[in-house]
Amino acid sequence: MGNSNEIKEAEQFIKLIKDATLNDGHSRMDDKVWERLLDPPQSILKIDDPDLLFSI
């Protein structure tokens, strides 16, 4: 019986992920993060550190 409960729980989790949005009740983003997402920087990023560049 435990197996069917695990399946139900997994299905509920998958549904939550599928239905998730950036502005749902679980979002904790502040206004600055919203602004950055809605209006991302348009300039070219210059990275001089080769390790940082490689990690991206």
N, C-alpha and C. Protein backbone atom coordinates (compact mmCIF):
# COMPACT_ATOMS: atom_id res chain seq x y z
N MET A 1 0.81 -1.20 0.00
CA MET A 1 0.00 0.00 0.00
C MET A 1 0.85 1.26 0.00
N GLY A 2 2.01 1.21 0.64
CA GLY A 2 2.86 2.38 0.69
C GLY A 2 3.26 2.85 -0.70
N ASN A 3 3.34 1.92 -1.62
CA ASN A 3 3.73 2.25 -2.97
C ASN A 3 2.72 3.17 -3.65
N SER A 4 1.42 2.93 -3.46
CA SER A 4 0.42 3.79 -4.09
C SER A 4 0.43 5.19 -3.48
N ASN A 5 0.74 5.30 -2.19
CA ASN A 5 0.87 6.62 -1.56
C ASN A 5 2.06 7.38 -2.13
N GLU A 6 3.15 6.67 -2.36
CA GLU A 6 4.33 7.31 -2.95
C GLU A 6 4.03 7.80 -4.36
N ILE A 7 3.28 7.02 -5.10
CA ILE A 7 2.92 7.41 -6.47
C ILE A 7 2.02 8.64 -6.45
N LYS A 8 1.04 8.66 -5.56
CA LYS A 8 0.16 9.83 -5.44
C LYS A 8 0.96 11.07 -5.07
N GLU A 9 1.88 10.92 -4.12
CA GLU A 9 2.69 12.05 -3.69
C GLU A 9 3.57 12.55 -4.83
N ALA A 10 4.15 11.63 -5.59
CA ALA A 10 4.99 12.01 -6.73
C ALA A 10 4.16 12.72 -7.79
N GLU A 11 2.95 12.24 -8.04
CA GLU A 11 2.07 12.88 -9.03
C GLU A 11 1.68 14.29 -8.59
N GLN A 12 1.41 14.46 -7.30
CA GLN A 12 1.08 15.79 -6.78
C GLN A 12 2.27 16.74 -6.94
N PHE A 13 3.46 16.23 -6.66
CA PHE A 13 4.67 17.03 -6.80
C PHE A 13 4.88 17.45 -8.25
N ILE A 14 4.71 16.51 -9.17
CA ILE A 14 4.86 16.81 -10.59
C ILE A 14 3.84 17.86 -11.03
N LYS A 15 2.61 17.74 -10.56
CA LYS A 15 1.57 18.73 -10.89
C LYS A 15 1.96 20.11 -10.37
N LEU A 16 2.49 20.18 -9.14
CA LEU A 16 2.93 21.47 -8.59
C LEU A 16 4.01 22.09 -9.47
N ILE A 17 4.93 21.28 -9.92
CA ILE A 17 6.02 21.80 -10.77
C ILE A 17 5.46 22.27 -12.11
N LYS A 18 4.57 21.48 -12.71
CA LYS A 18 3.98 21.87 -14.00
C LYS A 18 3.17 23.15 -13.90
N ASP A 19 2.48 23.33 -12.79
CA ASP A 19 1.60 24.49 -12.61
C ASP A 19 2.31 25.71 -12.03
N ALA A 20 3.58 25.57 -11.69
CA ALA A 20 4.31 26.66 -11.03
C ALA A 20 4.46 27.86 -11.96
N THR A 21 4.37 29.04 -11.38
CA THR A 21 4.62 30.28 -12.10
C THR A 21 5.53 31.15 -11.24
N LEU A 22 6.05 32.19 -11.83
CA LEU A 22 6.93 33.08 -11.07
C LEU A 22 6.17 33.94 -10.08
N ASN A 23 4.88 34.08 -10.27
CA ASN A 23 4.12 34.95 -9.37
C ASN A 23 3.08 34.18 -8.55
N ASP A 24 3.37 32.90 -8.28
CA ASP A 24 2.43 32.14 -7.45
C ASP A 24 2.65 32.47 -5.97
N GLY A 25 1.87 31.88 -5.11
CA GLY A 25 1.94 32.19 -3.69
C GLY A 25 3.22 31.76 -3.01
N HIS A 26 4.03 30.94 -3.68
CA HIS A 26 5.27 30.46 -3.08
C HIS A 26 6.48 31.30 -3.47
N SER A 27 6.28 32.23 -4.37
CA SER A 27 7.39 33.06 -4.83
C SER A 27 7.78 34.06 -3.75
N ARG A 28 9.07 34.17 -3.53
CA ARG A 28 9.57 35.11 -2.52
C ARG A 28 10.52 36.13 -3.14
N MET A 29 10.32 36.39 -4.42
CA MET A 29 11.20 37.34 -5.09
C MET A 29 10.81 38.77 -4.74
N ASP A 30 11.83 39.57 -4.49
CA ASP A 30 11.54 40.97 -4.20
C ASP A 30 11.44 41.77 -5.50
N ASP A 31 11.11 43.04 -5.37
CA ASP A 31 10.85 43.89 -6.54
C ASP A 31 12.06 44.02 -7.45
N LYS A 32 13.26 44.09 -6.88
CA LYS A 32 14.46 44.25 -7.71
C LYS A 32 14.69 43.01 -8.59
N VAL A 33 14.41 41.84 -8.06
CA VAL A 33 14.55 40.61 -8.85
C VAL A 33 13.53 40.60 -9.98
N TRP A 34 12.29 41.00 -9.69
CA TRP A 34 11.25 41.08 -10.72
C TRP A 34 11.68 42.03 -11.83
N GLU A 35 12.20 43.20 -11.45
CA GLU A 35 12.65 44.18 -12.44
C GLU A 35 13.74 43.59 -13.32
N ARG A 36 14.67 42.87 -12.71
CA ARG A 36 15.78 42.29 -13.46
C ARG A 36 15.29 41.22 -14.43
N LEU A 37 14.31 40.42 -14.01
CA LEU A 37 13.76 39.39 -14.89
C LEU A 37 12.98 40.00 -16.05
N LEU A 38 12.22 41.04 -15.77
CA LEU A 38 11.39 41.66 -16.80
C LEU A 38 12.17 42.59 -17.71
N ASP A 39 13.28 43.12 -17.23
CA ASP A 39 14.10 44.04 -18.01
C ASP A 39 15.58 43.70 -17.81
N PRO A 40 16.04 42.60 -18.42
CA PRO A 40 17.42 42.17 -18.22
C PRO A 40 18.41 43.14 -18.86
N PRO A 41 19.65 43.14 -18.40
CA PRO A 41 20.67 44.01 -18.98
C PRO A 41 20.85 43.69 -20.47
N GLN A 42 21.07 44.72 -21.26
CA GLN A 42 21.23 44.55 -22.70
C GLN A 42 22.68 44.74 -23.16
N SER A 43 23.54 45.14 -22.25
CA SER A 43 24.93 45.38 -22.63
C SER A 43 25.71 44.07 -22.70
N ILE A 44 26.81 44.10 -23.43
CA ILE A 44 27.67 42.93 -23.56
C ILE A 44 28.50 42.80 -22.29
N LEU A 45 28.52 41.60 -21.75
CA LEU A 45 29.25 41.33 -20.52
C LEU A 45 30.70 41.00 -20.85
N LYS A 46 31.63 41.71 -20.23
CA LYS A 46 33.05 41.45 -20.46
C LYS A 46 33.60 40.73 -19.23
N ILE A 47 34.10 39.52 -19.44
CA ILE A 47 34.64 38.72 -18.35
C ILE A 47 36.12 38.48 -18.63
N ASP A 48 36.97 38.98 -17.72
CA ASP A 48 38.41 38.84 -17.87
C ASP A 48 38.96 37.60 -17.17
N ASP A 49 38.22 37.07 -16.23
CA ASP A 49 38.68 35.91 -15.47
C ASP A 49 38.38 34.63 -16.27
N PRO A 50 39.42 33.93 -16.73
CA PRO A 50 39.18 32.74 -17.56
C PRO A 50 38.44 31.62 -16.81
N ASP A 51 38.68 31.52 -15.50
CA ASP A 51 37.98 30.48 -14.73
C ASP A 51 36.49 30.78 -14.65
N LEU A 52 36.15 32.02 -14.42
CA LEU A 52 34.75 32.42 -14.37
C LEU A 52 34.10 32.22 -15.73
N LEU A 53 34.79 32.61 -16.77
CA LEU A 53 34.27 32.45 -18.13
C LEU A 53 34.04 30.97 -18.44
N PHE A 54 34.98 30.13 -18.05
CA PHE A 54 34.84 28.69 -18.28
C PHE A 54 33.65 28.12 -17.51
N SER A 55 33.41 28.62 -16.32
CA SER A 55 32.33 28.09 -15.49
C SER A 55 30.95 28.43 -16.05
N ILE A 56 30.89 29.49 -16.82
CA ILE A 56 29.61 29.89 -17.42
C ILE A 56 29.36 29.05 -18.63
